[in-house]
Amino acid sequence: MHLTSQQRDHYKEQGFVVIPDLFDAATITLMSEHYMKRRAEGPKPGDSGGTTDHADDPNHQFPRMINMHNWDELTQEWAADTNLLNATQQLLDDTPVLLQTMLYFKPPGARGQALHQDEQYITINPLIGVWVALDTSDEAVGRMVVIPRSHQDSLFRVEAANTAISFTGVQAVKPEDAEELGIDMSPGDALFFDGKVIHGSYMNKTHDRWRRSFICHYKGENSQQFQPVEGTHVSHLKK
């Protein structure tokens, strides 16, 4: 896969870019069926249904999976997809190294995740996230939301999030002039975003639609670990 100059420029300037149809329909169907079967098997290492103060959140019945590539061969294959890695390499301008895989189920009625920067969790720069839609993702189901150009600053401070609508309890303090942009996506589309872009999602307000997504994080071979400024990492909120 060869990205256009417009796609590369958009990523550099805005901090994100959507690549349509990164995975074909047959693969997306297989992904959805596969992870639903793996979820039905029972708990997996690192499962997270979010904060426990809202016991009725459907995320508790379908908790997020993490690092499935450590125990699932199909995840290893999808995270090493040629098109995905080629696009990642062009945006990173470096050889991508897989750091993390995740599967978010987000059933009907489930909470979203408060807006944050991935480098507020993973202290490696540069970092890139790849968010692949397994279902139609629009406002009703709690699509991905980004703040364009927020990657141009350093990490923002963290604060407590509203856990009535977020399954995590931490969020980034948004800049005063921030304008959120919702990203509508079709199954198979992939959102590539810089590790410093503020992003997240709101609740799935539907009664019958899911918003499942396959997510990978990569660093470059030349990426560096860094020490976050006090108050800018999710662990700092507990202090």
C-alpha atoms as a PDB file:
ATOM      1  CA  MET A   1       0.000   0.000   0.000  1.00  0.00           C
ATOM      2  CA  HIS A   2       1.336   3.386  -1.018  1.00  0.00           C
ATOM      3  CA  LEU A   3      -0.166   6.416   0.706  1.00  0.00           C
ATOM      4  CA  THR A   4      -0.735   9.599  -1.241  1.00  0.00           C
ATOM      5  CA  SER A   5       1.119  12.788  -0.376  1.00  0.00           C
ATOM      6  CA  GLN A   6      -2.234  14.230   0.716  1.00  0.00           C
ATOM      7  CA  GLN A   7      -2.738  11.382   3.206  1.00  0.00           C
ATOM      8  CA  ARG A   8       0.764  11.734   4.613  1.00  0.00           C
ATOM      9  CA  ASP A   9       0.430  15.514   4.846  1.00  0.00           C
ATOM     10  CA  HIS A  10      -2.944  15.230   6.576  1.00  0.00           C
ATOM     11  CA  TYR A  11      -1.445  12.922   9.198  1.00  0.00           C
ATOM     12  CA  LYS A  12       1.492  15.246   9.745  1.00  0.00           C
ATOM     13  CA  GLU A  13      -0.596  18.408   9.970  1.00  0.00           C
ATOM     14  CA  GLN A  14      -3.790  17.163  11.645  1.00  0.00           C
ATOM     15  CA  GLY A  15      -2.359  14.217  13.573  1.00  0.00           C
ATOM     16  CA  PHE A  16      -4.604  11.577  12.045  1.00  0.00           C
ATOM     17  CA  VAL A  17      -5.780  10.114   8.759  1.00  0.00           C
ATOM     18  CA  VAL A  18      -8.476   7.596   7.782  1.00  0.00           C
ATOM     19  CA  ILE A  19      -7.534   4.876   5.296  1.00  0.00           C
ATOM     20  CA  PRO A  20     -10.732   3.403   3.786  1.00  0.00           C
ATOM     21  CA  ASP A  21     -11.085  -0.360   3.350  1.00  0.00           C
ATOM     22  CA  LEU A  22      -7.762  -1.299   4.920  1.00  0.00           C
ATOM     23  CA  PHE A  23      -9.286  -4.731   5.591  1.00  0.00           C
ATOM     24  CA  ASP A  24     -11.780  -6.344   3.226  1.00  0.00           C
ATOM     25  CA  ALA A  25     -15.313  -7.345   4.183  1.00  0.00           C
ATOM     26  CA  ALA A  26     -14.518 -11.056   4.542  1.00  0.00           C
ATOM     27  CA  THR A  27     -11.673 -10.340   6.971  1.00  0.00           C
ATOM     28  CA  ILE A  28     -13.809  -7.949   9.019  1.00  0.00           C
ATOM     29  CA  THR A  29     -16.554 -10.575   9.301  1.00  0.00           C
ATOM     30  CA  LEU A  30     -13.971 -13.135  10.416  1.00  0.00           C
ATOM     31  CA  MET A  31     -12.542 -10.704  12.963  1.00  0.00           C
ATOM     32  CA  SER A  32     -15.961  -9.986  14.457  1.00  0.00           C
ATOM     33  CA  GLU A  33     -16.920 -13.650  14.693  1.00  0.00           C
ATOM     34  CA  HIS A  34     -13.511 -14.669  15.995  1.00  0.00           C
ATOM     35  CA  TYR A  35     -13.370 -12.186  18.842  1.00  0.00           C
ATOM     36  CA  MET A  36     -16.953 -12.817  19.878  1.00  0.00           C
ATOM     37  CA  LYS A  37     -16.060 -16.523  20.176  1.00  0.00           C
ATOM     38  CA  ARG A  38     -12.883 -15.752  22.124  1.00  0.00           C
ATOM     39  CA  ARG A  39     -14.850 -13.443  24.421  1.00  0.00           C
ATOM     40  CA  ALA A  40     -17.434 -16.173  25.048  1.00  0.00           C
ATOM     41  CA  GLU A  41     -14.675 -18.523  26.193  1.00  0.00           C
ATOM     42  CA  GLY A  42     -14.297 -16.532  29.398  1.00  0.00           C
ATOM     43  CA  PRO A  43     -11.735 -14.204  30.990  1.00  0.00           C
ATOM     44  CA  LYS A  44      -8.457 -13.395  29.263  1.00  0.00           C
ATOM     45  CA  PRO A  45      -5.311 -11.713  30.671  1.00  0.00           C
ATOM     46  CA  GLY A  46      -5.761  -7.976  31.104  1.00  0.00           C
ATOM     47  CA  ASP A  47      -9.529  -7.839  30.522  1.00  0.00           C
ATOM     48  CA  SER A  48     -11.053  -4.504  31.521  1.00  0.00           C
ATOM     49  CA  GLY A  49     -14.720  -3.637  31.846  1.00  0.00           C
ATOM     50  CA  GLY A  50     -13.874  -0.235  33.251  1.00  0.00           C
ATOM     51  CA  THR A  51     -14.561   1.419  36.585  1.00  0.00           C
ATOM     52  CA  THR A  52     -16.815  -0.572  38.891  1.00  0.00           C
ATOM     53  CA  ASP A  53     -19.023   2.321  40.009  1.00  0.00           C
ATOM     54  CA  HIS A  54     -21.540   1.627  37.226  1.00  0.00           C
ATOM     55  CA  ALA A  55     -22.416  -2.027  37.519  1.00  0.00           C
ATOM     56  CA  ASP A  56     -25.027  -1.810  34.753  1.00  0.00           C
ATOM     57  CA  ASP A  57     -22.447  -0.854  32.088  1.00  0.00           C
ATOM     58  CA  PRO A  58     -22.568  -3.594  29.397  1.00  0.00           C
ATOM     59  CA  ASN A  59     -18.788  -3.265  29.086  1.00  0.00           C
ATOM     60  CA  HIS A  60     -18.602  -5.426  32.210  1.00  0.00           C
ATOM     61  CA  GLN A  61     -20.204  -8.302  30.316  1.00  0.00           C
ATOM     62  CA  PHE A  62     -17.982  -7.708  27.267  1.00  0.00           C
ATOM     63  CA  PRO A  63     -14.725  -6.330  28.692  1.00  0.00           C
ATOM     64  CA  ARG A  64     -12.001  -4.951  26.478  1.00  0.00           C
ATOM     65  CA  MET A  65      -9.327  -7.475  25.514  1.00  0.00           C
ATOM     66  CA  ILE A  66      -5.675  -6.456  25.472  1.00  0.00           C
ATOM     67  CA  ASN A  67      -2.485  -7.895  23.970  1.00  0.00           C
ATOM     68  CA  MET A  68      -4.297 -10.735  22.279  1.00  0.00           C
ATOM     69  CA  HIS A  69      -1.232 -11.236  20.072  1.00  0.00           C
ATOM     70  CA  ASN A  70       0.399 -12.908  23.092  1.00  0.00           C
ATOM     71  CA  TRP A  71      -2.073 -15.799  22.975  1.00  0.00           C
ATOM     72  CA  ASP A  72      -4.009 -15.624  19.704  1.00  0.00           C
ATOM     73  CA  GLU A  73      -2.507 -16.511  16.311  1.00  0.00           C
ATOM     74  CA  LEU A  74      -5.082 -14.663  14.210  1.00  0.00           C
ATOM     75  CA  THR A  75      -4.374 -11.464  16.117  1.00  0.00           C
ATOM     76  CA  GLN A  76      -0.692 -11.898  15.306  1.00  0.00           C
ATOM     77  CA  GLU A  77      -1.571 -12.221  11.612  1.00  0.00           C
ATOM     78  CA  TRP A  78      -3.857  -9.181  11.545  1.00  0.00           C
ATOM     79  CA  ALA A  79      -1.382  -7.006  13.458  1.00  0.00           C
ATOM     80  CA  ALA A  80       1.258  -7.976  10.881  1.00  0.00           C
ATOM     81  CA  ASP A  81      -0.971  -7.331   7.861  1.00  0.00           C
ATOM     82  CA  THR A  82       1.147  -6.065   4.975  1.00  0.00           C
ATOM     83  CA  ASN A  83      -1.072  -3.091   4.121  1.00  0.00           C
ATOM     84  CA  LEU A  84      -1.360  -2.072   7.758  1.00  0.00           C
ATOM     85  CA  LEU A  85       2.397  -2.210   8.329  1.00  0.00           C
ATOM     86  CA  ASN A  86       3.189  -0.435   5.059  1.00  0.00           C
ATOM     87  CA  ALA A  87       0.878   2.452   5.920  1.00  0.00           C
ATOM     88  CA  THR A  88       2.230   2.604   9.472  1.00  0.00           C
ATOM     89  CA  GLN A  89       5.815   2.687   8.227  1.00  0.00           C
ATOM     90  CA  GLN A  90       5.096   5.574   5.879  1.00  0.00           C
ATOM     91  CA  LEU A  91       3.391   7.616   8.600  1.00  0.00           C
ATOM     92  CA  LEU A  92       6.048   6.876  11.216  1.00  0.00           C
ATOM     93  CA  ASP A  93       8.855   7.211   8.681  1.00  0.00           C
ATOM     94  CA  ASP A  94      10.415   4.288  10.530  1.00  0.00           C
ATOM     95  CA  THR A  95      10.098   0.508  10.803  1.00  0.00           C
ATOM     96  CA  PRO A  96       7.032  -0.218  12.968  1.00  0.00           C
ATOM     97  CA  VAL A  97       7.350  -2.365  16.088  1.00  0.00           C
ATOM     98  CA  LEU A  98       4.145  -3.763  17.616  1.00  0.00           C
ATOM     99  CA  LEU A  99       3.567  -2.643  21.196  1.00  0.00           C
ATOM    100  CA  GLN A 100      -0.048  -3.495  21.924  1.00  0.00           C
ATOM    101  CA  THR A 101      -3.251  -4.973  20.539  1.00  0.00           C
ATOM    102  CA  MET A 102      -6.768  -4.420  21.866  1.00  0.00           C
ATOM    103  CA  LEU A 103     -10.357  -5.323  21.039  1.00  0.00           C
ATOM    104  CA  TYR A 104     -13.139  -3.021  22.199  1.00  0.00           C
ATOM    105  CA  PHE A 105     -16.642  -4.479  22.055  1.00  0.00           C
ATOM    106  CA  LYS A 106     -18.756  -1.468  23.130  1.00  0.00           C
ATOM    107  CA  PRO A 107     -22.194  -3.152  23.236  1.00  0.00           C
ATOM    108  CA  PRO A 108     -25.467  -1.206  23.028  1.00  0.00           C
ATOM    109  CA  GLY A 109     -25.728   1.162  25.986  1.00  0.00           C
ATOM    110  CA  ALA A 110     -22.043   0.924  26.909  1.00  0.00           C
ATOM    111  CA  ARG A 111     -19.906   3.795  28.160  1.00  0.00           C
ATOM    112  CA  GLY A 112     -17.230   5.299  25.953  1.00  0.00           C
ATOM    113  CA  GLN A 113     -13.706   6.356  26.878  1.00  0.00           C
ATOM    114  CA  ALA A 114     -12.909   9.899  27.996  1.00  0.00           C
ATOM    115  CA  LEU A 115     -10.734  11.927  25.658  1.00  0.00           C
ATOM    116  CA  HIS A 116      -7.032  11.282  26.251  1.00  0.00           C
ATOM    117  CA  GLN A 117      -3.624  11.045  24.615  1.00  0.00           C
ATOM    118  CA  ASP A 118      -2.125   7.573  24.205  1.00  0.00           C
ATOM    119  CA  GLU A 119       1.257   8.842  25.360  1.00  0.00           C
ATOM    120  CA  GLN A 120      -0.412   9.669  28.675  1.00  0.00           C
ATOM    121  CA  TYR A 121      -0.465   5.877  29.052  1.00  0.00           C
ATOM    122  CA  ILE A 122       2.445   4.658  26.889  1.00  0.00           C
ATOM    123  CA  THR A 123       5.511   6.853  27.396  1.00  0.00           C
ATOM    124  CA  ILE A 124       7.156   6.245  24.021  1.00  0.00           C
ATOM    125  CA  ASN A 125       7.516   8.814  21.241  1.00  0.00           C
ATOM    126  CA  PRO A 126       6.754   8.699  18.394  1.00  0.00           C
ATOM    127  CA  LEU A 127       3.813   6.358  18.860  1.00  0.00           C
ATOM    128  CA  ILE A 128       0.999   5.577  16.441  1.00  0.00           C
ATOM    129  CA  GLY A 129      -2.424   4.046  17.027  1.00  0.00           C
ATOM    130  CA  VAL A 130      -4.388   2.130  14.390  1.00  0.00           C
ATOM    131  CA  TRP A 131      -8.142   1.860  15.057  1.00  0.00           C
ATOM    132  CA  VAL A 132      -9.987  -0.518  12.714  1.00  0.00           C
ATOM    133  CA  ALA A 133     -13.797  -0.365  12.631  1.00  0.00           C
ATOM    134  CA  LEU A 134     -15.497  -3.764  12.732  1.00  0.00           C
ATOM    135  CA  ASP A 135     -18.963  -2.196  12.674  1.00  0.00           C
ATOM    136  CA  THR A 136     -20.397   0.993  11.216  1.00  0.00           C
ATOM    137  CA  SER A 137     -19.156   3.738  13.506  1.00  0.00           C
ATOM    138  CA  ASP A 138     -21.225   6.914  13.752  1.00  0.00           C
ATOM    139  CA  GLU A 139     -22.414   9.346  16.403  1.00  0.00           C
ATOM    140  CA  ALA A 140     -25.180   7.070  17.688  1.00  0.00           C
ATOM    141  CA  VAL A 141     -22.822   4.252  18.648  1.00  0.00           C
ATOM    142  CA  GLY A 142     -20.134   6.540  20.043  1.00  0.00           C
ATOM    143  CA  ARG A 143     -17.736   6.960  17.129  1.00  0.00           C
ATOM    144  CA  MET A 144     -14.125   7.969  17.542  1.00  0.00           C
ATOM    145  CA  VAL A 145     -13.662  11.649  18.322  1.00  0.00           C
ATOM    146  CA  VAL A 146     -10.377  13.507  17.815  1.00  0.00           C
ATOM    147  CA  ILE A 147      -9.082  16.997  18.423  1.00  0.00           C
ATOM    148  CA  PRO A 148      -7.206  17.882  15.242  1.00  0.00           C
ATOM    149  CA  ARG A 149      -3.680  19.269  15.610  1.00  0.00           C
ATOM    150  CA  SER A 150      -3.550  18.472  19.331  1.00  0.00           C
ATOM    151  CA  HIS A 151      -0.415  16.428  18.620  1.00  0.00           C
ATOM    152  CA  GLN A 152       1.479  19.633  17.894  1.00  0.00           C
ATOM    153  CA  ASP A 153       1.701  20.410  21.609  1.00  0.00           C
ATOM    154  CA  SER A 154       3.324  18.332  24.323  1.00  0.00           C
ATOM    155  CA  LEU A 155       1.290  16.178  26.677  1.00  0.00           C
ATOM    156  CA  PHE A 156      -1.632  17.903  28.365  1.00  0.00           C
ATOM    157  CA  ARG A 157      -2.400  17.573  32.055  1.00  0.00           C
ATOM    158  CA  VAL A 158      -4.751  14.852  33.248  1.00  0.00           C
ATOM    159  CA  GLU A 159      -7.877  15.209  35.362  1.00  0.00           C
ATOM    160  CA  ALA A 160     -10.703  13.021  36.639  1.00  0.00           C
ATOM    161  CA  ALA A 161     -13.243  11.942  34.015  1.00  0.00           C
ATOM    162  CA  ASN A 162     -16.996  11.557  34.371  1.00  0.00           C
ATOM    163  CA  THR A 163     -17.379   7.805  34.866  1.00  0.00           C
ATOM    164  CA  ALA A 164     -21.106   8.005  34.193  1.00  0.00           C
ATOM    165  CA  ILE A 165     -20.177   8.239  30.516  1.00  0.00           C
ATOM    166  CA  SER A 166     -16.568   6.967  30.478  1.00  0.00           C
ATOM    167  CA  PHE A 167     -15.399   3.504  31.496  1.00  0.00           C
ATOM    168  CA  THR A 168     -12.043   5.041  32.434  1.00  0.00           C
ATOM    169  CA  GLY A 169     -11.613   7.591  35.196  1.00  0.00           C
ATOM    170  CA  VAL A 170      -8.925   9.780  33.622  1.00  0.00           C
ATOM    171  CA  GLN A 171      -8.992  12.293  30.797  1.00  0.00           C
ATOM    172  CA  ALA A 172      -6.801  14.957  29.217  1.00  0.00           C
ATOM    173  CA  VAL A 173      -7.434  18.584  30.091  1.00  0.00           C
ATOM    174  CA  LYS A 174      -8.497  19.905  26.705  1.00  0.00           C
ATOM    175  CA  PRO A 175      -7.033  23.162  25.390  1.00  0.00           C
ATOM    176  CA  GLU A 176      -9.456  26.082  25.587  1.00  0.00           C
ATOM    177  CA  ASP A 177      -9.804  26.426  21.821  1.00  0.00           C
ATOM    178  CA  ALA A 178     -10.256  22.680  21.221  1.00  0.00           C
ATOM    179  CA  GLU A 179     -12.837  21.619  18.650  1.00  0.00           C
ATOM    180  CA  GLU A 180     -13.843  17.961  18.657  1.00  0.00           C
ATOM    181  CA  LEU A 181     -14.259  16.155  15.357  1.00  0.00           C
ATOM    182  CA  GLY A 182     -16.305  12.969  15.091  1.00  0.00           C
ATOM    183  CA  ILE A 183     -15.002  10.391  12.611  1.00  0.00           C
ATOM    184  CA  ASP A 184     -17.658   8.328  10.825  1.00  0.00           C
ATOM    185  CA  MET A 185     -16.236   5.020   9.612  1.00  0.00           C
ATOM    186  CA  SER A 186     -17.398   1.911   7.772  1.00  0.00           C
ATOM    187  CA  PRO A 187     -16.319  -1.644   8.612  1.00  0.00           C
ATOM    188  CA  GLY A 188     -12.753  -2.163   7.392  1.00  0.00           C
ATOM    189  CA  ASP A 189     -11.777   1.516   7.550  1.00  0.00           C
ATOM    190  CA  ALA A 190      -8.746   2.331   9.699  1.00  0.00           C
ATOM    191  CA  LEU A 191      -7.978   5.494  11.633  1.00  0.00           C
ATOM    192  CA  PHE A 192      -4.251   6.127  12.090  1.00  0.00           C
ATOM    193  CA  PHE A 193      -3.452   8.683  14.788  1.00  0.00           C
ATOM    194  CA  ASP A 194      -0.408  10.157  16.480  1.00  0.00           C
ATOM    195  CA  GLY A 195       0.220   9.154  20.100  1.00  0.00           C
ATOM    196  CA  LYS A 196      -0.243  12.755  21.220  1.00  0.00           C
ATOM    197  CA  VAL A 197      -3.579  13.369  19.478  1.00  0.00           C
ATOM    198  CA  ILE A 198      -6.409  13.823  21.970  1.00  0.00           C
ATOM    199  CA  HIS A 199      -9.100  11.262  21.136  1.00  0.00           C
ATOM    200  CA  GLY A 200     -11.811   9.146  22.717  1.00  0.00           C
ATOM    201  CA  SER A 201     -15.509   8.366  22.404  1.00  0.00           C
ATOM    202  CA  TYR A 202     -18.902   8.858  23.974  1.00  0.00           C
ATOM    203  CA  MET A 203     -21.608   6.369  24.952  1.00  0.00           C
ATOM    204  CA  ASN A 204     -23.251   3.910  22.611  1.00  0.00           C
ATOM    205  CA  LYS A 205     -26.784   5.309  22.744  1.00  0.00           C
ATOM    206  CA  THR A 206     -28.359   2.596  20.605  1.00  0.00           C
ATOM    207  CA  HIS A 207     -30.322  -0.416  21.820  1.00  0.00           C
ATOM    208  CA  ASP A 208     -29.287  -2.843  19.090  1.00  0.00           C
ATOM    209  CA  ARG A 209     -25.943  -1.852  17.551  1.00  0.00           C
ATOM    210  CA  TRP A 210     -22.364  -2.657  18.512  1.00  0.00           C
ATOM    211  CA  ARG A 211     -19.231  -0.580  17.921  1.00  0.00           C
ATOM    212  CA  ARG A 212     -16.473  -3.172  17.923  1.00  0.00           C
ATOM    213  CA  SER A 213     -12.944  -2.159  16.979  1.00  0.00           C
ATOM    214  CA  PHE A 214      -9.559  -3.815  16.533  1.00  0.00           C
ATOM    215  CA  ILE A 215      -6.724  -1.607  17.739  1.00  0.00           C
ATOM    216  CA  CYS A 216      -2.943  -1.766  17.467  1.00  0.00           C
ATOM    217  CA  HIS A 217      -0.219   0.500  18.783  1.00  0.00           C
ATOM    218  CA  TYR A 218       3.216   0.665  17.190  1.00  0.00           C
ATOM    219  CA  LYS A 219       6.420   2.492  17.907  1.00  0.00           C
ATOM    220  CA  GLY A 220       9.257   3.004  15.450  1.00  0.00           C
ATOM    221  CA  GLU A 221      12.554   1.189  15.764  1.00  0.00           C
ATOM    222  CA  ASN A 222      14.050   4.570  16.659  1.00  0.00           C
ATOM    223  CA  SER A 223      11.308   5.696  19.023  1.00  0.00           C
ATOM    224  CA  GLN A 224      12.424   6.662  22.520  1.00  0.00           C
ATOM    225  CA  GLN A 225      11.069   6.163  26.016  1.00  0.00           C
ATOM    226  CA  PHE A 226      10.509   9.459  27.854  1.00  0.00           C
ATOM    227  CA  GLN A 227       9.781  10.690  31.363  1.00  0.00           C
ATOM    228  CA  PRO A 228       6.412  12.489  31.406  1.00  0.00           C
ATOM    229  CA  VAL A 229       6.132  15.898  33.033  1.00  0.00           C
ATOM    230  CA  GLU A 230       4.430  15.680  36.412  1.00  0.00           C
ATOM    231  CA  GLY A 231       0.653  15.841  36.039  1.00  0.00           C
ATOM    232  CA  THR A 232       0.562  14.581  32.438  1.00  0.00           C
ATOM    233  CA  HIS A 233       0.477  10.791  32.935  1.00  0.00           C
ATOM    234  CA  VAL A 234      -2.598   8.815  33.984  1.00  0.00           C
ATOM    235  CA  SER A 235      -0.729   7.473  37.014  1.00  0.00           C
ATOM    236  CA  HIS A 236      -0.216  11.017  38.282  1.00  0.00           C
ATOM    237  CA  LEU A 237      -3.947  11.482  38.953  1.00  0.00           C
ATOM    238  CA  LYS A 238      -3.799   8.962  41.795  1.00  0.00           C
ATOM    239  CA  LYS A 239      -1.160  11.105  43.496  1.00  0.00           C
END
